[in-house]
Amino acid sequence: MEAYAVVETGGKQYLVHKNDKLEVEKLPADKGATVTLERVLAVSDGQTLKIGAPVVGGAAVLADVVDQIRGPKTISFKKKKRKGYHKKIGHRQSLTCLCIKDIQIG
């Protein structure tokens, strides 16, 4: 079994392996930069599993920023019947595409 980690970023948790590509909420980094995700909740080297309380000390995940993109548009439509009230709001979330480079167990 290969190494994996559970990281938290943007209020969400992601299970990542080496060379995985994922989209997370926007991080303040430029395209081509390397970011370190230090909120590692669990990490495994293939044989042993370390679970943090709440984070694993010394563990980190290194990732390369592939791109800064915008997600798909979501529509929020509110209406009250027989009142003439309706409101249509669109939203596009800013995302960062990451490629996991290394998992440091610590």
N, C-alpha and C. Protein backbone atom coordinates (compact mmCIF):
# COMPACT_ATOMS: atom_id res chain seq x y z
N MET A 1 0.84 -1.19 0.00
CA MET A 1 0.00 0.00 0.00
C MET A 1 0.88 1.24 0.00
N GLU A 2 0.45 2.28 -0.67
CA GLU A 2 1.26 3.48 -0.77
C GLU A 2 0.88 4.50 0.31
N ALA A 3 1.74 5.49 0.47
CA ALA A 3 1.53 6.51 1.48
C ALA A 3 0.37 7.42 1.10
N TYR A 4 -0.36 7.87 2.10
CA TYR A 4 -1.45 8.80 1.89
C TYR A 4 -1.58 9.70 3.11
N ALA A 5 -2.35 10.77 2.96
CA ALA A 5 -2.57 11.71 4.06
C ALA A 5 -3.96 12.30 3.93
N VAL A 6 -4.50 12.73 5.05
CA VAL A 6 -5.75 13.46 5.08
C VAL A 6 -5.40 14.89 5.51
N VAL A 7 -5.63 15.85 4.61
CA VAL A 7 -5.29 17.24 4.89
C VAL A 7 -6.56 18.08 4.94
N GLU A 8 -6.46 19.19 5.67
CA GLU A 8 -7.58 20.13 5.76
C GLU A 8 -7.13 21.47 5.19
N THR A 9 -7.91 21.98 4.26
CA THR A 9 -7.67 23.31 3.72
C THR A 9 -9.00 23.88 3.23
N GLY A 10 -9.22 25.14 3.49
CA GLY A 10 -10.46 25.78 3.07
C GLY A 10 -11.68 25.23 3.78
N GLY A 11 -11.50 24.66 4.99
CA GLY A 11 -12.62 24.12 5.76
C GLY A 11 -13.10 22.76 5.27
N LYS A 12 -12.34 22.14 4.35
CA LYS A 12 -12.71 20.83 3.83
C LYS A 12 -11.54 19.87 4.02
N GLN A 13 -11.84 18.58 4.05
CA GLN A 13 -10.82 17.56 4.23
C GLN A 13 -10.66 16.77 2.94
N TYR A 14 -9.40 16.47 2.60
CA TYR A 14 -9.09 15.76 1.36
C TYR A 14 -8.16 14.59 1.66
N LEU A 15 -8.44 13.42 1.07
CA LEU A 15 -7.55 12.28 1.12
C LEU A 15 -6.65 12.36 -0.10
N VAL A 16 -5.33 12.47 0.12
CA VAL A 16 -4.40 12.67 -0.99
C VAL A 16 -3.32 11.60 -1.00
N HIS A 17 -2.91 11.23 -2.21
CA HIS A 17 -1.77 10.35 -2.46
C HIS A 17 -0.75 11.15 -3.26
N LYS A 18 0.44 10.61 -3.39
CA LYS A 18 1.47 11.28 -4.20
C LYS A 18 1.01 11.33 -5.65
N ASN A 19 1.28 12.44 -6.34
CA ASN A 19 0.92 12.70 -7.74
C ASN A 19 -0.57 12.90 -7.97
N ASP A 20 -1.39 13.04 -6.93
CA ASP A 20 -2.81 13.36 -7.10
C ASP A 20 -2.96 14.81 -7.54
N LYS A 21 -4.01 15.07 -8.29
CA LYS A 21 -4.37 16.43 -8.67
C LYS A 21 -5.72 16.73 -8.02
N LEU A 22 -5.83 17.89 -7.36
CA LEU A 22 -7.10 18.25 -6.73
C LEU A 22 -7.30 19.74 -6.79
N GLU A 23 -8.57 20.13 -6.67
CA GLU A 23 -8.96 21.54 -6.67
C GLU A 23 -9.42 21.90 -5.26
N VAL A 24 -8.78 22.91 -4.68
CA VAL A 24 -9.14 23.37 -3.33
C VAL A 24 -9.54 24.84 -3.43
N GLU A 25 -10.10 25.37 -2.35
CA GLU A 25 -10.44 26.79 -2.35
C GLU A 25 -9.17 27.61 -2.49
N LYS A 26 -9.30 28.79 -3.04
CA LYS A 26 -8.15 29.60 -3.46
C LYS A 26 -7.12 29.78 -2.35
N LEU A 27 -5.86 29.52 -2.72
CA LEU A 27 -4.73 29.72 -1.84
C LEU A 27 -3.91 30.90 -2.36
N PRO A 28 -3.29 31.69 -1.48
CA PRO A 28 -2.51 32.86 -1.92
C PRO A 28 -1.13 32.45 -2.43
N ALA A 29 -1.09 31.83 -3.62
CA ALA A 29 0.17 31.41 -4.22
C ALA A 29 0.07 31.57 -5.73
N ASP A 30 1.20 31.83 -6.37
CA ASP A 30 1.23 32.00 -7.81
C ASP A 30 1.35 30.66 -8.51
N LYS A 31 1.02 30.66 -9.79
CA LYS A 31 1.14 29.46 -10.61
C LYS A 31 2.60 29.02 -10.66
N GLY A 32 2.87 27.75 -10.43
CA GLY A 32 4.22 27.22 -10.43
C GLY A 32 4.89 27.22 -9.07
N ALA A 33 4.28 27.85 -8.07
CA ALA A 33 4.86 27.90 -6.72
C ALA A 33 4.61 26.58 -5.99
N THR A 34 5.36 26.37 -4.92
CA THR A 34 5.17 25.19 -4.07
C THR A 34 4.53 25.65 -2.77
N VAL A 35 3.46 24.98 -2.37
CA VAL A 35 2.79 25.30 -1.11
C VAL A 35 2.94 24.11 -0.17
N THR A 36 2.93 24.40 1.13
CA THR A 36 3.01 23.37 2.15
C THR A 36 1.69 23.35 2.91
N LEU A 37 1.02 22.22 2.90
CA LEU A 37 -0.21 22.04 3.66
C LEU A 37 0.16 21.41 4.99
N GLU A 38 0.06 22.18 6.07
CA GLU A 38 0.54 21.72 7.37
C GLU A 38 -0.56 21.18 8.27
N ARG A 39 -1.82 21.38 7.91
CA ARG A 39 -2.91 20.81 8.71
C ARG A 39 -3.18 19.38 8.23
N VAL A 40 -2.33 18.47 8.68
CA VAL A 40 -2.44 17.06 8.33
C VAL A 40 -3.15 16.36 9.47
N LEU A 41 -4.33 15.81 9.20
CA LEU A 41 -5.13 15.18 10.24
C LEU A 41 -4.77 13.72 10.45
N ALA A 42 -4.32 13.06 9.39
CA ALA A 42 -3.88 11.66 9.48
C ALA A 42 -2.87 11.42 8.38
N VAL A 43 -1.91 10.53 8.66
CA VAL A 43 -0.89 10.22 7.66
C VAL A 43 -0.49 8.76 7.80
N SER A 44 -0.25 8.12 6.65
CA SER A 44 0.15 6.71 6.64
C SER A 44 1.30 6.54 5.66
N ASP A 45 2.27 5.68 6.04
CA ASP A 45 3.38 5.38 5.14
C ASP A 45 3.15 4.07 4.39
N GLY A 46 2.01 3.47 4.53
CA GLY A 46 1.70 2.21 3.89
C GLY A 46 1.54 1.08 4.89
N GLN A 47 2.29 1.14 6.01
CA GLN A 47 2.17 0.12 7.04
C GLN A 47 1.53 0.66 8.33
N THR A 48 1.97 1.85 8.76
CA THR A 48 1.47 2.40 10.01
C THR A 48 0.65 3.65 9.74
N LEU A 49 -0.32 3.90 10.59
CA LEU A 49 -1.20 5.05 10.48
C LEU A 49 -1.04 5.92 11.71
N LYS A 50 -0.79 7.21 11.50
CA LYS A 50 -0.73 8.18 12.60
C LYS A 50 -1.94 9.08 12.48
N ILE A 51 -2.70 9.17 13.56
CA ILE A 51 -3.88 10.04 13.59
C ILE A 51 -3.62 11.15 14.58
N GLY A 52 -3.84 12.38 14.17
CA GLY A 52 -3.57 13.53 15.01
C GLY A 52 -4.73 13.86 15.93
N ALA A 53 -4.41 14.69 16.92
CA ALA A 53 -5.43 15.14 17.85
C ALA A 53 -5.28 16.63 18.07
N PRO A 54 -5.68 17.52 17.20
CA PRO A 54 -6.34 17.29 15.92
C PRO A 54 -5.39 17.12 14.74
N VAL A 55 -4.10 17.56 14.86
CA VAL A 55 -3.19 17.42 13.73
C VAL A 55 -2.00 16.57 14.12
N VAL A 56 -1.34 15.98 13.13
CA VAL A 56 -0.14 15.18 13.35
C VAL A 56 1.06 16.12 13.38
N GLY A 57 1.81 16.10 14.47
CA GLY A 57 2.96 16.98 14.61
C GLY A 57 4.08 16.61 13.65
N GLY A 58 4.64 17.61 12.98
CA GLY A 58 5.76 17.39 12.08
C GLY A 58 5.39 16.89 10.70
N ALA A 59 4.16 16.53 10.48
CA ALA A 59 3.73 16.03 9.16
C ALA A 59 3.35 17.21 8.27
N ALA A 60 3.62 17.05 6.98
CA ALA A 60 3.28 18.10 6.01
C ALA A 60 3.11 17.47 4.64
N VAL A 61 2.38 18.16 3.79
CA VAL A 61 2.18 17.73 2.41
C VAL A 61 2.65 18.86 1.50
N LEU A 62 3.56 18.54 0.60
CA LEU A 62 4.07 19.53 -0.35
C LEU A 62 3.32 19.38 -1.66
N ALA A 63 2.89 20.51 -2.22
CA ALA A 63 2.12 20.49 -3.47
C ALA A 63 2.55 21.63 -4.36
N ASP A 64 2.51 21.39 -5.66
CA ASP A 64 2.79 22.42 -6.66
C ASP A 64 1.47 23.04 -7.11
N VAL A 65 1.47 24.37 -7.28
CA VAL A 65 0.29 25.05 -7.79
C VAL A 65 0.30 24.93 -9.31
N VAL A 66 -0.69 24.22 -9.86
CA VAL A 66 -0.78 24.02 -11.30
C VAL A 66 -1.45 25.22 -11.96
N ASP A 67 -2.55 25.71 -11.34
CA ASP A 67 -3.30 26.80 -11.96
C ASP A 67 -4.23 27.44 -10.93
N GLN A 68 -4.63 28.67 -11.20
CA GLN A 68 -5.68 29.35 -10.43
C GLN A 68 -6.87 29.47 -11.37
N ILE A 69 -8.00 28.84 -11.02
CA ILE A 69 -9.16 28.81 -11.92
C ILE A 69 -10.40 29.27 -11.19
N ARG A 70 -11.50 29.35 -11.93
CA ARG A 70 -12.82 29.62 -11.37
C ARG A 70 -13.67 28.39 -11.60
N GLY A 71 -14.45 28.00 -10.60
CA GLY A 71 -15.30 26.83 -10.70
C GLY A 71 -16.53 27.10 -11.54
N PRO A 72 -17.39 26.09 -11.68
CA PRO A 72 -18.61 26.29 -12.46
C PRO A 72 -19.58 27.24 -11.75
N LYS A 73 -20.44 27.89 -12.55
CA LYS A 73 -21.40 28.83 -11.98
C LYS A 73 -22.53 28.06 -11.29
N THR A 74 -22.86 28.46 -10.08
CA THR A 74 -24.02 27.92 -9.38
C THR A 74 -25.04 29.03 -9.26
N ILE A 75 -26.30 28.68 -9.42
CA ILE A 75 -27.40 29.64 -9.39
C ILE A 75 -28.20 29.45 -8.11
N SER A 76 -28.43 30.54 -7.40
CA SER A 76 -29.30 30.53 -6.22
C SER A 76 -30.55 31.34 -6.58
N PHE A 77 -31.70 30.69 -6.57
CA PHE A 77 -32.95 31.35 -6.95
C PHE A 77 -33.90 31.31 -5.76
N LYS A 78 -34.36 32.47 -5.32
CA LYS A 78 -35.29 32.57 -4.20
C LYS A 78 -36.61 33.13 -4.71
N LYS A 79 -37.72 32.63 -4.20
CA LYS A 79 -39.03 33.10 -4.64
C LYS A 79 -40.03 32.91 -3.52
N LYS A 80 -40.94 33.86 -3.39
CA LYS A 80 -42.06 33.72 -2.47
C LYS A 80 -43.34 33.75 -3.29
N LYS A 81 -44.12 32.72 -3.19
CA LYS A 81 -45.32 32.63 -4.02
C LYS A 81 -46.33 33.72 -3.65
N ARG A 82 -46.99 34.21 -4.67
CA ARG A 82 -48.05 35.21 -4.57
C ARG A 82 -47.60 36.54 -3.97
N LYS A 83 -46.32 36.81 -3.87
CA LYS A 83 -45.83 38.07 -3.31
C LYS A 83 -45.08 38.91 -4.35
N GLY A 84 -44.80 38.34 -5.50
CA GLY A 84 -44.06 39.07 -6.52
C GLY A 84 -42.58 39.18 -6.22
N TYR A 85 -42.09 38.37 -5.29
CA TYR A 85 -40.68 38.43 -4.88
C TYR A 85 -39.91 37.30 -5.54
N HIS A 86 -38.86 37.65 -6.24
CA HIS A 86 -37.93 36.65 -6.74
C HIS A 86 -36.55 37.27 -6.87
N LYS A 87 -35.53 36.46 -6.64
CA LYS A 87 -34.16 36.93 -6.67
C LYS A 87 -33.28 35.83 -7.25
N LYS A 88 -32.48 36.18 -8.24
CA LYS A 88 -31.58 35.22 -8.88
C LYS A 88 -30.14 35.70 -8.70
N ILE A 89 -29.32 34.86 -8.06
CA ILE A 89 -27.94 35.21 -7.77
C ILE A 89 -27.04 34.11 -8.32
N GLY A 90 -26.00 34.49 -9.06
CA GLY A 90 -25.01 33.53 -9.55
C GLY A 90 -23.73 33.64 -8.75
N HIS A 91 -22.97 32.54 -8.68
CA HIS A 91 -21.72 32.52 -7.93
C HIS A 91 -20.72 31.61 -8.62
N ARG A 92 -19.47 32.06 -8.72
CA ARG A 92 -18.38 31.22 -9.21
C ARG A 92 -17.26 31.26 -8.18
N GLN A 93 -16.90 30.08 -7.65
CA GLN A 93 -15.88 29.99 -6.62
C GLN A 93 -14.49 30.02 -7.25
N SER A 94 -13.58 30.77 -6.64
CA SER A 94 -12.18 30.77 -7.07
C SER A 94 -11.49 29.54 -6.50
N LEU A 95 -10.77 28.80 -7.35
CA LEU A 95 -10.14 27.54 -6.94
C LEU A 95 -8.66 27.55 -7.30
N THR A 96 -7.90 26.73 -6.58
CA THR A 96 -6.49 26.50 -6.87
C THR A 96 -6.31 25.04 -7.21
N CYS A 97 -5.72 24.74 -8.36
CA CYS A 97 -5.42 23.36 -8.76
C CYS A 97 -4.05 23.00 -8.21
N LEU A 98 -3.99 21.90 -7.45
CA LEU A 98 -2.74 21.45 -6.85
C LEU A 98 -2.35 20.08 -7.38
N CYS A 99 -1.05 19.83 -7.44
CA CYS A 99 -0.52 18.50 -7.74
C CYS A 99 0.35 18.12 -6.53
N ILE A 100 0.01 17.02 -5.86
CA ILE A 100 0.71 16.61 -4.66
C ILE A 100 2.09 16.07 -5.04
N LYS A 101 3.13 16.68 -4.46
CA LYS A 101 4.50 16.33 -4.80
C LYS A 101 5.09 15.35 -3.80
N ASP A 102 4.85 15.57 -2.49
CA ASP A 102 5.48 14.74 -1.47
C ASP A 102 4.65 14.75 -0.20
N ILE A 103 4.69 13.63 0.51
CA ILE A 103 4.03 13.52 1.82
C ILE A 103 5.11 13.27 2.85
N GLN A 104 5.28 14.23 3.78
CA GLN A 104 6.28 14.10 4.82
C GLN A 104 5.62 13.60 6.08
N ILE A 105 6.09 12.47 6.57
CA ILE A 105 5.44 11.82 7.72
C ILE A 105 5.78 12.51 9.02
N GLY A 106 7.01 12.92 9.20
CA GLY A 106 7.42 13.67 10.39
C GLY A 106 7.63 12.82 11.53
